[in-house]
Amino acid sequence: MREAGIGRHQRRRRGLTKQDKSAAPAPDLLARDFEADAPGA
């Protein structure tokens, strides 16, 4: 089967998206506040 070129194929791994360290973070246009009033609240 190997000589005939049929059978299992190895999948090519794709790299993940790399973060641009020099880019400014996106602005928080919704002014979200993720602070809780009390623990577990």
PDB file of N, CA and C in Angstrom:
ATOM      1  N   MET A   1       0.834  -1.197   0.000  1.00  0.00           N
ATOM      2  CA  MET A   1       0.000   0.000   0.000  1.00  0.00           C
ATOM      3  C   MET A   1       0.873   1.254   0.000  1.00  0.00           C
ATOM      4  N   ARG A   2       1.987   1.213   0.710  1.00  0.00           N
ATOM      5  CA  ARG A   2       2.866   2.374   0.745  1.00  0.00           C
ATOM      6  C   ARG A   2       3.438   2.662  -0.636  1.00  0.00           C
ATOM      7  N   GLU A   3       3.818   1.620  -1.341  1.00  0.00           N
ATOM      8  CA  GLU A   3       4.384   1.798  -2.683  1.00  0.00           C
ATOM      9  C   GLU A   3       3.352   2.356  -3.646  1.00  0.00           C
ATOM     10  N   ALA A   4       2.091   1.975  -3.460  1.00  0.00           N
ATOM     11  CA  ALA A   4       1.023   2.461  -4.334  1.00  0.00           C
ATOM     12  C   ALA A   4       0.586   3.877  -3.972  1.00  0.00           C
ATOM     13  N   GLY A   5       1.026   4.375  -2.810  1.00  0.00           N
ATOM     14  CA  GLY A   5       0.685   5.741  -2.396  1.00  0.00           C
ATOM     15  C   GLY A   5      -0.707   5.866  -1.817  1.00  0.00           C
ATOM     16  N   ILE A   6      -1.276   4.740  -1.370  1.00  0.00           N
ATOM     17  CA  ILE A   6      -2.599   4.812  -0.750  1.00  0.00           C
ATOM     18  C   ILE A   6      -2.473   4.452   0.713  1.00  0.00           C
ATOM     19  N   GLY A   7      -3.416   4.913   1.483  1.00  0.00           N
ATOM     20  CA  GLY A   7      -3.397   4.617   2.911  1.00  0.00           C
ATOM     21  C   GLY A   7      -3.442   5.883   3.726  1.00  0.00           C
ATOM     22  N   ARG A   8      -2.889   5.792   4.909  1.00  0.00           N
ATOM     23  CA  ARG A   8      -2.954   6.891   5.876  1.00  0.00           C
ATOM     24  C   ARG A   8      -2.037   8.040   5.478  1.00  0.00           C
ATOM     25  N   HIS A   9      -2.517   9.269   5.644  1.00  0.00           N
ATOM     26  CA  HIS A   9      -1.724  10.468   5.367  1.00  0.00           C
ATOM     27  C   HIS A   9      -1.514  11.214   6.670  1.00  0.00           C
ATOM     28  N   GLN A  10      -0.334  11.746   6.835  1.00  0.00           N
ATOM     29  CA  GLN A  10      -0.066  12.546   8.024  1.00  0.00           C
ATOM     30  C   GLN A  10      -0.637  13.941   7.816  1.00  0.00           C
ATOM     31  N   ARG A  11      -1.313  14.432   8.837  1.00  0.00           N
ATOM     32  CA  ARG A  11      -1.898  15.768   8.745  1.00  0.00           C
ATOM     33  C   ARG A  11      -0.854  16.813   9.065  1.00  0.00           C
ATOM     34  N   ARG A  12      -0.907  17.911   8.360  1.00  0.00           N
ATOM     35  CA  ARG A  12       0.013  19.018   8.594  1.00  0.00           C
ATOM     36  C   ARG A  12      -0.501  19.852   9.757  1.00  0.00           C
ATOM     37  N   ARG A  13       0.351  20.078  10.750  1.00  0.00           N
ATOM     38  CA  ARG A  13      -0.046  20.902  11.890  1.00  0.00           C
ATOM     39  C   ARG A  13       0.085  22.367  11.520  1.00  0.00           C
ATOM     40  N   ARG A  14      -0.903  23.134  11.873  1.00  0.00           N
ATOM     41  CA  ARG A  14      -0.876  24.575  11.613  1.00  0.00           C
ATOM     42  C   ARG A  14      -0.521  25.297  12.904  1.00  0.00           C
ATOM     43  N   GLY A  15       0.272  26.326  12.776  1.00  0.00           N
ATOM     44  CA  GLY A  15       0.642  27.117  13.941  1.00  0.00           C
ATOM     45  C   GLY A  15      -0.510  28.000  14.380  1.00  0.00           C
ATOM     46  N   LEU A  16      -0.514  28.334  15.636  1.00  0.00           N
ATOM     47  CA  LEU A  16      -1.543  29.220  16.161  1.00  0.00           C
ATOM     48  C   LEU A  16      -1.229  30.663  15.802  1.00  0.00           C
ATOM     49  N   THR A  17      -2.228  31.493  15.896  1.00  0.00           N
ATOM     50  CA  THR A  17      -2.041  32.914  15.635  1.00  0.00           C
ATOM     51  C   THR A  17      -1.121  33.505  16.699  1.00  0.00           C
ATOM     52  N   LYS A  18      -0.134  34.233  16.275  1.00  0.00           N
ATOM     53  CA  LYS A  18       0.830  34.832  17.195  1.00  0.00           C
ATOM     54  C   LYS A  18       0.386  36.247  17.555  1.00  0.00           C
ATOM     55  N   GLN A  19       0.476  36.579  18.840  1.00  0.00           N
ATOM     56  CA  GLN A  19       0.099  37.902  19.310  1.00  0.00           C
ATOM     57  C   GLN A  19       1.192  38.895  18.957  1.00  0.00           C
ATOM     58  N   ASP A  20       0.784  40.075  18.483  1.00  0.00           N
ATOM     59  CA  ASP A  20       1.733  41.143  18.183  1.00  0.00           C
ATOM     60  C   ASP A  20       2.001  41.896  19.489  1.00  0.00           C
ATOM     61  N   LYS A  21       3.186  41.705  20.042  1.00  0.00           N
ATOM     62  CA  LYS A  21       3.525  42.296  21.343  1.00  0.00           C
ATOM     63  C   LYS A  21       3.583  43.825  21.298  1.00  0.00           C
ATOM     64  N   SER A  22       3.864  44.398  20.128  1.00  0.00           N
ATOM     65  CA  SER A  22       4.011  45.846  20.039  1.00  0.00           C
ATOM     66  C   SER A  22       2.681  46.554  19.757  1.00  0.00           C
ATOM     67  N   ALA A  23       1.622  45.812  19.451  1.00  0.00           N
ATOM     68  CA  ALA A  23       0.328  46.431  19.138  1.00  0.00           C
ATOM     69  C   ALA A  23      -0.373  46.880  20.423  1.00  0.00           C
ATOM     70  N   ALA A  24      -1.084  47.978  20.325  1.00  0.00           N
ATOM     71  CA  ALA A  24      -1.843  48.478  21.469  1.00  0.00           C
ATOM     72  C   ALA A  24      -3.097  47.615  21.643  1.00  0.00           C
ATOM     73  N   PRO A  25      -3.524  47.380  22.894  1.00  0.00           N
ATOM     74  CA  PRO A  25      -4.740  46.586  23.096  1.00  0.00           C
ATOM     75  C   PRO A  25      -5.967  47.321  22.558  1.00  0.00           C
ATOM     76  N   ALA A  26      -6.975  46.569  22.179  1.00  0.00           N
ATOM     77  CA  ALA A  26      -8.204  47.161  21.645  1.00  0.00           C
ATOM     78  C   ALA A  26      -8.921  47.935  22.747  1.00  0.00           C
ATOM     79  N   PRO A  27      -9.507  49.060  22.426  1.00  0.00           N
ATOM     80  CA  PRO A  27     -10.212  49.837  23.457  1.00  0.00           C
ATOM     81  C   PRO A  27     -11.487  49.128  23.898  1.00  0.00           C
ATOM     82  N   ASP A  28     -11.880  49.325  25.169  1.00  0.00           N
ATOM     83  CA  ASP A  28     -13.105  48.742  25.716  1.00  0.00           C
ATOM     84  C   ASP A  28     -14.247  49.705  25.421  1.00  0.00           C
ATOM     85  N   LEU A  29     -14.898  49.523  24.292  1.00  0.00           N
ATOM     86  CA  LEU A  29     -15.936  50.458  23.844  1.00  0.00           C
ATOM     87  C   LEU A  29     -17.223  50.344  24.658  1.00  0.00           C
ATOM     88  N   LEU A  30     -17.428  49.235  25.359  1.00  0.00           N
ATOM     89  CA  LEU A  30     -18.656  49.036  26.125  1.00  0.00           C
ATOM     90  C   LEU A  30     -18.514  49.430  27.586  1.00  0.00           C
ATOM     91  N   ALA A  31     -17.313  49.801  28.005  1.00  0.00           N
ATOM     92  CA  ALA A  31     -17.025  50.201  29.392  1.00  0.00           C
ATOM     93  C   ALA A  31     -17.500  49.120  30.361  1.00  0.00           C
ATOM     94  N   ARG A  32     -17.141  47.878  30.098  1.00  0.00           N
ATOM     95  CA  ARG A  32     -17.552  46.758  30.941  1.00  0.00           C
ATOM     96  C   ARG A  32     -16.822  46.798  32.275  1.00  0.00           C
ATOM     97  N   ASP A  33     -17.501  46.389  33.338  1.00  0.00           N
ATOM     98  CA  ASP A  33     -16.923  46.339  34.678  1.00  0.00           C
ATOM     99  C   ASP A  33     -17.100  44.919  35.196  1.00  0.00           C
ATOM    100  N   PHE A  34     -15.998  44.182  35.358  1.00  0.00           N
ATOM    101  CA  PHE A  34     -16.065  42.801  35.773  1.00  0.00           C
ATOM    102  C   PHE A  34     -15.756  42.610  37.248  1.00  0.00           C
ATOM    103  N   GLU A  35     -15.784  43.658  38.024  1.00  0.00           N
ATOM    104  CA  GLU A  35     -15.508  43.542  39.459  1.00  0.00           C
ATOM    105  C   GLU A  35     -16.771  43.165  40.202  1.00  0.00           C
ATOM    106  N   ALA A  36     -16.669  42.169  41.091  1.00  0.00           N
ATOM    107  CA  ALA A  36     -17.813  41.726  41.896  1.00  0.00           C
ATOM    108  C   ALA A  36     -17.894  42.539  43.178  1.00  0.00           C
ATOM    109  N   ASP A  37     -19.108  42.716  43.677  1.00  0.00           N
ATOM    110  CA  ASP A  37     -19.303  43.436  44.939  1.00  0.00           C
ATOM    111  C   ASP A  37     -18.780  42.629  46.121  1.00  0.00           C
ATOM    112  N   ALA A  38     -18.921  41.299  46.055  1.00  0.00           N
ATOM    113  CA  ALA A  38     -18.471  40.405  47.119  1.00  0.00           C
ATOM    114  C   ALA A  38     -18.019  39.095  46.492  1.00  0.00           C
ATOM    115  N   PRO A  39     -17.200  38.320  47.177  1.00  0.00           N
ATOM    116  CA  PRO A  39     -16.770  37.042  46.627  1.00  0.00           C
ATOM    117  C   PRO A  39     -17.970  36.121  46.393  1.00  0.00           C
ATOM    118  N   GLY A  40     -18.006  35.485  45.261  1.00  0.00           N
ATOM    119  CA  GLY A  40     -19.096  34.550  44.944  1.00  0.00           C
ATOM    120  C   GLY A  40     -20.388  35.232  44.534  1.00  0.00           C
ATOM    121  N   ALA A  41     -20.369  36.543  44.366  1.00  0.00           N
ATOM    122  CA  ALA A  41     -21.605  37.265  44.013  1.00  0.00           C
ATOM    123  C   ALA A  41     -21.764  37.352  42.517  1.00  0.00           C
TER     124      ALA A  41
END
